[in-house]
Amino acid sequence: MRNDFMMAINQVCAERKLSREVVLAAVEAALISAYKRNFGAVTDITVLIDPNTGAARVFAEKEVVAQPADPKTQISLDEARQIRPEADFGQFVPVENTPRDFGALLPKPPSRSSYSASVKPSATPSIPPMRTAPARSLTAPSRARTCRAAT
């Protein structure tokens, strides 16, 4: 079942002749900006949108340490291994940090009712991959947009 948000995405794709991945990537980048503006990001943030439901999920990368001094940027080894069993000290683990009202940040669908269902849904996104060193550039896995907070 498609919701209004995904219908709006598909409508934009059809009207502008853009691929669904390009439109979803742009929306994910916009949601990263909205998250940082509204919730004050202090770490790397990744936003993933489920292409079937339109549900947005936020992940904050946290460094695995023995004793977390800052819970916004660090996580204990025990907690990290609940997310990723192979996690080790010094690695960064994506921790879901989706606010309850994050869906309210999504744009409202257009008022026109023309909609094209010609775009096929892609696979459901999963948790972003774990990294072992701080990012030096704005690189990200396909469809996920990652922004590095100012240090």
N, C-alpha and C. Protein backbone atom coordinates (compact mmCIF):
# COMPACT_ATOMS: atom_id res chain seq x y z
N MET A 1 0.85 -1.18 0.00
CA MET A 1 0.00 0.00 0.00
C MET A 1 0.90 1.25 0.00
N ARG A 2 0.62 2.16 -0.89
CA ARG A 2 1.42 3.37 -1.02
C ARG A 2 0.77 4.51 -0.24
N ASN A 3 1.59 5.31 0.36
CA ASN A 3 1.05 6.47 1.06
C ASN A 3 1.18 7.71 0.18
N ASP A 4 0.68 8.82 0.64
CA ASP A 4 0.70 10.06 -0.13
C ASP A 4 2.12 10.52 -0.45
N PHE A 5 3.04 10.32 0.46
CA PHE A 5 4.41 10.75 0.24
C PHE A 5 5.03 10.02 -0.96
N MET A 6 4.89 8.71 -0.99
CA MET A 6 5.46 7.95 -2.10
C MET A 6 4.71 8.23 -3.39
N MET A 7 3.44 8.52 -3.31
CA MET A 7 2.70 8.91 -4.51
C MET A 7 3.26 10.22 -5.06
N ALA A 8 3.59 11.15 -4.17
CA ALA A 8 4.15 12.44 -4.59
C ALA A 8 5.53 12.22 -5.22
N ILE A 9 6.34 11.35 -4.64
CA ILE A 9 7.66 11.03 -5.19
C ILE A 9 7.50 10.47 -6.60
N ASN A 10 6.61 9.52 -6.76
CA ASN A 10 6.38 8.92 -8.07
C ASN A 10 5.86 9.94 -9.08
N GLN A 11 5.05 10.86 -8.61
CA GLN A 11 4.52 11.91 -9.49
C GLN A 11 5.66 12.81 -9.98
N VAL A 12 6.54 13.21 -9.08
CA VAL A 12 7.69 14.03 -9.47
C VAL A 12 8.56 13.28 -10.47
N CYS A 13 8.79 12.01 -10.22
CA CYS A 13 9.60 11.20 -11.14
C CYS A 13 8.99 11.18 -12.54
N ALA A 14 7.69 10.99 -12.60
CA ALA A 14 7.01 10.91 -13.89
C ALA A 14 6.98 12.26 -14.60
N GLU A 15 6.66 13.33 -13.87
CA GLU A 15 6.55 14.65 -14.48
C GLU A 15 7.89 15.20 -14.93
N ARG A 16 8.93 14.96 -14.15
CA ARG A 16 10.26 15.52 -14.45
C ARG A 16 11.17 14.54 -15.18
N LYS A 17 10.66 13.32 -15.40
CA LYS A 17 11.45 12.27 -16.06
C LYS A 17 12.77 12.02 -15.32
N LEU A 18 12.67 11.89 -14.02
CA LEU A 18 13.81 11.61 -13.16
C LEU A 18 13.69 10.20 -12.62
N SER A 19 14.83 9.59 -12.32
CA SER A 19 14.78 8.26 -11.72
C SER A 19 14.34 8.39 -10.26
N ARG A 20 13.74 7.36 -9.77
CA ARG A 20 13.25 7.35 -8.39
C ARG A 20 14.41 7.51 -7.41
N GLU A 21 15.55 6.89 -7.72
CA GLU A 21 16.71 6.96 -6.85
C GLU A 21 17.21 8.40 -6.70
N VAL A 22 17.21 9.16 -7.82
CA VAL A 22 17.66 10.55 -7.78
C VAL A 22 16.75 11.38 -6.89
N VAL A 23 15.45 11.21 -7.04
CA VAL A 23 14.49 11.98 -6.24
C VAL A 23 14.59 11.59 -4.77
N LEU A 24 14.67 10.29 -4.48
CA LEU A 24 14.79 9.86 -3.08
C LEU A 24 16.10 10.36 -2.46
N ALA A 25 17.18 10.37 -3.24
CA ALA A 25 18.46 10.87 -2.72
C ALA A 25 18.35 12.36 -2.38
N ALA A 26 17.67 13.12 -3.21
CA ALA A 26 17.49 14.55 -2.93
C ALA A 26 16.64 14.76 -1.68
N VAL A 27 15.60 13.96 -1.51
CA VAL A 27 14.74 14.07 -0.32
C VAL A 27 15.53 13.67 0.92
N GLU A 28 16.34 12.61 0.82
CA GLU A 28 17.16 12.19 1.96
C GLU A 28 18.13 13.30 2.36
N ALA A 29 18.76 13.95 1.38
CA ALA A 29 19.68 15.04 1.68
C ALA A 29 18.93 16.20 2.36
N ALA A 30 17.72 16.49 1.89
CA ALA A 30 16.92 17.55 2.51
C ALA A 30 16.53 17.18 3.94
N LEU A 31 16.25 15.91 4.18
CA LEU A 31 15.88 15.48 5.53
C LEU A 31 17.07 15.53 6.48
N ILE A 32 18.28 15.30 5.96
CA ILE A 32 19.48 15.45 6.79
C ILE A 32 19.58 16.89 7.25
N SER A 33 19.39 17.83 6.32
CA SER A 33 19.44 19.25 6.68
C SER A 33 18.37 19.61 7.69
N ALA A 34 17.15 19.09 7.48
CA ALA A 34 16.05 19.37 8.41
C ALA A 34 16.34 18.79 9.79
N TYR A 35 16.90 17.58 9.83
CA TYR A 35 17.23 16.95 11.10
C TYR A 35 18.27 17.78 11.85
N LYS A 36 19.33 18.18 11.14
CA LYS A 36 20.40 18.94 11.78
C LYS A 36 19.87 20.29 12.28
N ARG A 37 18.99 20.92 11.52
CA ARG A 37 18.44 22.22 11.91
C ARG A 37 17.52 22.07 13.12
N ASN A 38 16.70 21.03 13.16
CA ASN A 38 15.71 20.87 14.22
C ASN A 38 16.21 20.13 15.45
N PHE A 39 17.18 19.23 15.29
CA PHE A 39 17.59 18.39 16.40
C PHE A 39 19.07 18.55 16.76
N GLY A 40 19.80 19.39 16.05
CA GLY A 40 21.19 19.69 16.39
C GLY A 40 22.11 18.49 16.30
N ALA A 41 22.47 18.08 15.10
CA ALA A 41 23.36 16.93 14.91
C ALA A 41 24.78 17.28 15.32
N VAL A 42 25.41 16.37 16.05
CA VAL A 42 26.80 16.55 16.43
C VAL A 42 27.67 15.43 15.89
N THR A 43 27.14 14.61 15.02
CA THR A 43 27.84 13.46 14.48
C THR A 43 27.40 13.23 13.05
N ASP A 44 27.93 12.21 12.42
CA ASP A 44 27.51 11.87 11.06
C ASP A 44 26.07 11.37 11.10
N ILE A 45 25.26 11.86 10.19
CA ILE A 45 23.86 11.49 10.12
C ILE A 45 23.59 10.88 8.76
N THR A 46 22.85 9.78 8.75
CA THR A 46 22.40 9.14 7.52
C THR A 46 20.89 9.02 7.60
N VAL A 47 20.20 9.34 6.52
CA VAL A 47 18.75 9.18 6.45
C VAL A 47 18.45 8.19 5.34
N LEU A 48 17.63 7.20 5.65
CA LEU A 48 17.19 6.22 4.66
C LEU A 48 15.67 6.28 4.56
N ILE A 49 15.17 6.28 3.34
CA ILE A 49 13.73 6.26 3.10
C ILE A 49 13.37 4.92 2.50
N ASP A 50 12.42 4.23 3.10
CA ASP A 50 11.92 2.98 2.55
C ASP A 50 11.15 3.31 1.28
N PRO A 51 11.59 2.81 0.12
CA PRO A 51 10.93 3.17 -1.13
C PRO A 51 9.53 2.61 -1.28
N ASN A 52 9.15 1.66 -0.45
CA ASN A 52 7.80 1.08 -0.53
C ASN A 52 6.80 1.81 0.35
N THR A 53 7.25 2.23 1.54
CA THR A 53 6.32 2.85 2.49
C THR A 53 6.54 4.35 2.65
N GLY A 54 7.74 4.83 2.30
CA GLY A 54 8.06 6.24 2.50
C GLY A 54 8.52 6.55 3.91
N ALA A 55 8.67 5.53 4.75
CA ALA A 55 9.11 5.74 6.13
C ALA A 55 10.58 6.16 6.14
N ALA A 56 10.88 7.25 6.84
CA ALA A 56 12.25 7.75 6.94
C ALA A 56 12.85 7.30 8.27
N ARG A 57 14.11 6.84 8.20
CA ARG A 57 14.84 6.43 9.40
C ARG A 57 16.13 7.20 9.46
N VAL A 58 16.51 7.64 10.66
CA VAL A 58 17.73 8.42 10.87
C VAL A 58 18.72 7.55 11.64
N PHE A 59 19.98 7.57 11.17
CA PHE A 59 21.05 6.85 11.84
C PHE A 59 22.17 7.83 12.17
N ALA A 60 22.66 7.76 13.41
CA ALA A 60 23.79 8.57 13.84
C ALA A 60 24.96 7.62 14.05
N GLU A 61 26.11 7.94 13.46
CA GLU A 61 27.29 7.10 13.64
C GLU A 61 27.95 7.43 14.97
N LYS A 62 28.18 6.38 15.76
CA LYS A 62 28.81 6.56 17.07
C LYS A 62 30.06 5.71 17.14
N GLU A 63 31.09 6.26 17.78
CA GLU A 63 32.36 5.57 17.93
C GLU A 63 32.27 4.58 19.09
N VAL A 64 32.81 3.38 18.89
CA VAL A 64 32.82 2.35 19.91
C VAL A 64 34.01 2.61 20.85
N VAL A 65 33.70 2.82 22.14
CA VAL A 65 34.72 3.10 23.15
C VAL A 65 34.44 2.25 24.40
N ALA A 66 35.43 2.15 25.29
CA ALA A 66 35.27 1.38 26.52
C ALA A 66 34.26 2.04 27.46
N GLN A 67 34.43 3.34 27.72
CA GLN A 67 33.54 4.09 28.59
C GLN A 67 33.05 5.32 27.84
N PRO A 68 31.81 5.33 27.33
CA PRO A 68 31.33 6.50 26.59
C PRO A 68 31.27 7.75 27.47
N ALA A 69 31.98 8.80 27.05
CA ALA A 69 31.95 10.07 27.76
C ALA A 69 30.84 10.96 27.21
N ASP A 70 30.55 10.83 25.92
CA ASP A 70 29.51 11.62 25.26
C ASP A 70 28.54 10.67 24.56
N PRO A 71 27.35 10.44 25.12
CA PRO A 71 26.42 9.48 24.54
C PRO A 71 25.90 9.89 23.15
N LYS A 72 26.09 11.16 22.77
CA LYS A 72 25.65 11.59 21.44
C LYS A 72 26.61 11.12 20.35
N THR A 73 27.87 10.89 20.71
CA THR A 73 28.87 10.51 19.70
C THR A 73 29.56 9.19 19.99
N GLN A 74 29.34 8.61 21.17
CA GLN A 74 30.04 7.39 21.54
C GLN A 74 29.07 6.33 22.04
N ILE A 75 29.51 5.07 21.92
CA ILE A 75 28.69 3.94 22.35
C ILE A 75 29.62 2.89 22.96
N SER A 76 29.14 2.16 23.96
CA SER A 76 29.95 1.12 24.59
C SER A 76 30.05 -0.09 23.65
N LEU A 77 31.06 -0.91 23.87
CA LEU A 77 31.26 -2.10 23.05
C LEU A 77 30.07 -3.04 23.15
N ASP A 78 29.52 -3.23 24.37
CA ASP A 78 28.37 -4.12 24.55
C ASP A 78 27.17 -3.65 23.74
N GLU A 79 26.88 -2.34 23.80
CA GLU A 79 25.75 -1.79 23.05
C GLU A 79 25.99 -1.89 21.54
N ALA A 80 27.23 -1.63 21.12
CA ALA A 80 27.56 -1.69 19.70
C ALA A 80 27.40 -3.11 19.17
N ARG A 81 27.77 -4.08 19.96
CA ARG A 81 27.67 -5.48 19.50
C ARG A 81 26.23 -5.97 19.44
N GLN A 82 25.32 -5.29 20.11
CA GLN A 82 23.90 -5.62 19.95
C GLN A 82 23.41 -5.20 18.57
N ILE A 83 24.04 -4.15 18.02
CA ILE A 83 23.68 -3.66 16.69
C ILE A 83 24.47 -4.41 15.62
N ARG A 84 25.77 -4.50 15.84
CA ARG A 84 26.69 -5.18 14.92
C ARG A 84 27.59 -6.11 15.73
N PRO A 85 27.38 -7.42 15.66
CA PRO A 85 28.19 -8.36 16.44
C PRO A 85 29.70 -8.25 16.20
N GLU A 86 30.10 -7.82 15.00
CA GLU A 86 31.53 -7.72 14.68
C GLU A 86 32.15 -6.39 15.10
N ALA A 87 31.43 -5.53 15.77
CA ALA A 87 31.93 -4.22 16.18
C ALA A 87 33.10 -4.36 17.14
N ASP A 88 34.04 -3.41 17.03
CA ASP A 88 35.22 -3.42 17.90
C ASP A 88 35.59 -1.97 18.23
N PHE A 89 36.47 -1.79 19.20
CA PHE A 89 36.88 -0.46 19.63
C PHE A 89 37.44 0.34 18.46
N GLY A 90 37.08 1.63 18.41
CA GLY A 90 37.58 2.52 17.37
C GLY A 90 36.73 2.55 16.11
N GLN A 91 35.82 1.60 15.98
CA GLN A 91 34.95 1.59 14.80
C GLN A 91 33.74 2.49 15.05
N PHE A 92 33.05 2.81 13.98
CA PHE A 92 31.84 3.63 14.06
C PHE A 92 30.65 2.76 13.68
N VAL A 93 29.63 2.79 14.53
CA VAL A 93 28.44 1.95 14.34
C VAL A 93 27.24 2.87 14.10
N PRO A 94 26.42 2.58 13.07
CA PRO A 94 25.22 3.38 12.85
C PRO A 94 24.13 3.00 13.86
N VAL A 95 23.71 3.98 14.65
CA VAL A 95 22.70 3.75 15.69
C VAL A 95 21.44 4.50 15.26
N GLU A 96 20.31 3.77 15.22
CA GLU A 96 19.08 4.44 14.82
C GLU A 96 18.72 5.51 15.83
N ASN A 97 18.39 6.69 15.31
CA ASN A 97 18.11 7.85 16.15
C ASN A 97 16.95 8.64 15.55
N THR A 98 15.92 7.93 15.09
CA THR A 98 14.79 8.57 14.44
C THR A 98 13.87 9.18 15.49
N PRO A 99 13.69 10.50 15.46
CA PRO A 99 12.76 11.13 16.41
C PRO A 99 11.33 10.68 16.14
N ARG A 100 10.52 10.69 17.18
CA ARG A 100 9.12 10.29 17.04
C ARG A 100 8.37 11.13 16.02
N ASP A 101 8.62 12.42 16.00
CA ASP A 101 7.88 13.31 15.11
C ASP A 101 8.64 13.62 13.83
N PHE A 102 9.60 12.77 13.46
CA PHE A 102 10.41 13.03 12.28
C PHE A 102 9.58 13.02 11.00
N GLY A 103 8.53 12.25 10.93
CA GLY A 103 7.67 12.21 9.76
C GLY A 103 7.02 13.54 9.47
N ALA A 104 6.89 14.40 10.48
CA ALA A 104 6.29 15.71 10.28
C ALA A 104 7.19 16.60 9.44
N LEU A 105 8.48 16.25 9.33
CA LEU A 105 9.41 17.04 8.51
C LEU A 105 9.27 16.74 7.03
N LEU A 106 8.61 15.63 6.69
CA LEU A 106 8.44 15.29 5.29
C LEU A 106 7.57 16.31 4.59
N PRO A 107 7.89 16.61 3.34
CA PRO A 107 7.08 17.59 2.61
C PRO A 107 5.68 17.08 2.33
N LYS A 108 4.74 18.00 2.24
CA LYS A 108 3.37 17.64 1.93
C LYS A 108 3.27 17.30 0.44
N PRO A 109 2.46 16.32 0.07
CA PRO A 109 2.33 15.95 -1.34
C PRO A 109 1.66 17.07 -2.12
N PRO A 110 1.92 17.14 -3.44
CA PRO A 110 1.27 18.16 -4.25
C PRO A 110 -0.23 17.95 -4.31
N SER A 111 -0.96 19.02 -4.59
CA SER A 111 -2.42 18.94 -4.55
C SER A 111 -2.99 18.29 -5.80
N ARG A 112 -2.24 18.29 -6.90
CA ARG A 112 -2.77 17.66 -8.11
C ARG A 112 -2.86 16.16 -7.93
N SER A 113 -3.84 15.55 -8.57
CA SER A 113 -4.05 14.12 -8.36
C SER A 113 -3.45 13.27 -9.46
N SER A 114 -2.78 13.86 -10.45
CA SER A 114 -2.18 13.05 -11.50
C SER A 114 -1.00 12.30 -10.92
N TYR A 115 -0.97 11.03 -11.16
CA TYR A 115 0.04 10.17 -10.56
C TYR A 115 0.36 9.04 -11.52
N SER A 116 1.63 8.73 -11.66
CA SER A 116 2.04 7.66 -12.54
C SER A 116 2.67 6.56 -11.70
N ALA A 117 2.16 5.36 -11.86
CA ALA A 117 2.69 4.22 -11.11
C ALA A 117 3.70 3.46 -11.95
N SER A 118 4.31 4.11 -12.91
CA SER A 118 5.24 3.44 -13.81
C SER A 118 6.59 3.16 -13.17
N VAL A 119 6.91 3.79 -12.05
CA VAL A 119 8.19 3.57 -11.40
C VAL A 119 8.07 2.39 -10.45
N LYS A 120 8.93 1.40 -10.62
CA LYS A 120 8.87 0.20 -9.80
C LYS A 120 9.61 0.43 -8.49
N PRO A 121 9.09 -0.10 -7.37
CA PRO A 121 9.78 0.08 -6.09
C PRO A 121 11.09 -0.69 -6.06
N SER A 122 12.08 -0.15 -5.38
CA SER A 122 13.35 -0.84 -5.22
C SER A 122 13.37 -1.54 -3.87
N ALA A 123 14.47 -2.17 -3.56
CA ALA A 123 14.57 -2.94 -2.32
C ALA A 123 14.51 -2.03 -1.10
N THR A 124 14.06 -2.59 0.01
CA THR A 124 13.99 -1.86 1.27
C THR A 124 15.39 -1.59 1.79
N PRO A 125 15.70 -0.36 2.20
CA PRO A 125 17.05 -0.07 2.69
C PRO A 125 17.30 -0.74 4.04
N SER A 126 18.55 -1.02 4.31
CA SER A 126 18.91 -1.64 5.59
C SER A 126 19.75 -0.65 6.39
N ILE A 127 20.27 -1.12 7.49
CA ILE A 127 21.13 -0.27 8.32
C ILE A 127 22.38 0.05 7.52
N PRO A 128 22.85 1.30 7.55
CA PRO A 128 24.05 1.66 6.80
C PRO A 128 25.26 0.88 7.29
N PRO A 129 26.26 0.68 6.42
CA PRO A 129 27.43 -0.08 6.83
C PRO A 129 28.25 0.64 7.88
N MET A 130 28.97 -0.15 8.69
CA MET A 130 29.82 0.39 9.73
C MET A 130 31.15 0.80 9.11
N ARG A 131 31.77 1.86 9.63
CA ARG A 131 33.07 2.27 9.11
C ARG A 131 34.10 2.22 10.23
N THR A 132 35.38 2.19 9.85
CA THR A 132 36.44 2.02 10.84
C THR A 132 37.22 3.29 11.11
N ALA A 133 37.09 4.32 10.28
CA ALA A 133 37.81 5.57 10.49
C ALA A 133 36.89 6.73 10.17
N PRO A 134 37.12 7.89 10.78
CA PRO A 134 36.27 9.04 10.49
C PRO A 134 36.31 9.39 9.01
N ALA A 135 35.17 9.78 8.46
CA ALA A 135 35.09 10.16 7.06
C ALA A 135 35.79 11.48 6.83
N ARG A 136 36.49 11.59 5.73
CA ARG A 136 37.18 12.83 5.37
C ARG A 136 36.43 13.56 4.27
N SER A 137 35.46 12.89 3.64
CA SER A 137 34.69 13.54 2.57
C SER A 137 33.23 13.13 2.70
N LEU A 138 32.39 13.71 1.90
CA LEU A 138 30.97 13.40 1.94
C LEU A 138 30.68 12.22 1.03
N THR A 139 31.16 11.04 1.41
CA THR A 139 30.89 9.84 0.64
C THR A 139 29.83 9.05 1.37
N ALA A 140 29.08 8.29 0.60
CA ALA A 140 28.00 7.54 1.21
C ALA A 140 27.68 6.34 0.36
N PRO A 141 27.11 5.28 0.96
CA PRO A 141 26.65 4.16 0.17
C PRO A 141 25.50 4.60 -0.73
N SER A 142 25.20 3.80 -1.74
CA SER A 142 24.15 4.20 -2.67
C SER A 142 22.85 4.44 -1.93
N ARG A 143 22.15 5.50 -2.32
CA ARG A 143 20.87 5.95 -1.79
C ARG A 143 20.96 6.54 -0.39
N ALA A 144 22.01 6.33 0.35
CA ALA A 144 22.11 6.92 1.69
C ALA A 144 23.00 8.14 1.60
N ARG A 145 22.59 9.22 2.20
CA ARG A 145 23.36 10.44 2.19
C ARG A 145 23.90 10.68 3.59
N THR A 146 25.18 10.90 3.69
CA THR A 146 25.83 11.09 4.98
C THR A 146 26.47 12.47 5.01
N CYS A 147 26.29 13.18 6.11
CA CYS A 147 26.92 14.49 6.29
C CYS A 147 27.76 14.44 7.55
N ARG A 148 28.95 14.96 7.47
CA ARG A 148 29.87 15.01 8.61
C ARG A 148 29.65 16.32 9.35
N ALA A 149 29.43 16.22 10.65
CA ALA A 149 29.22 17.41 11.47
C ALA A 149 30.54 18.16 11.61
N ALA A 150 30.46 19.46 11.80
CA ALA A 150 31.66 20.28 11.97
C ALA A 150 32.34 19.93 13.27
N THR A 151 33.65 19.83 13.24
CA THR A 151 34.39 19.46 14.45
C THR A 151 35.22 20.59 14.95
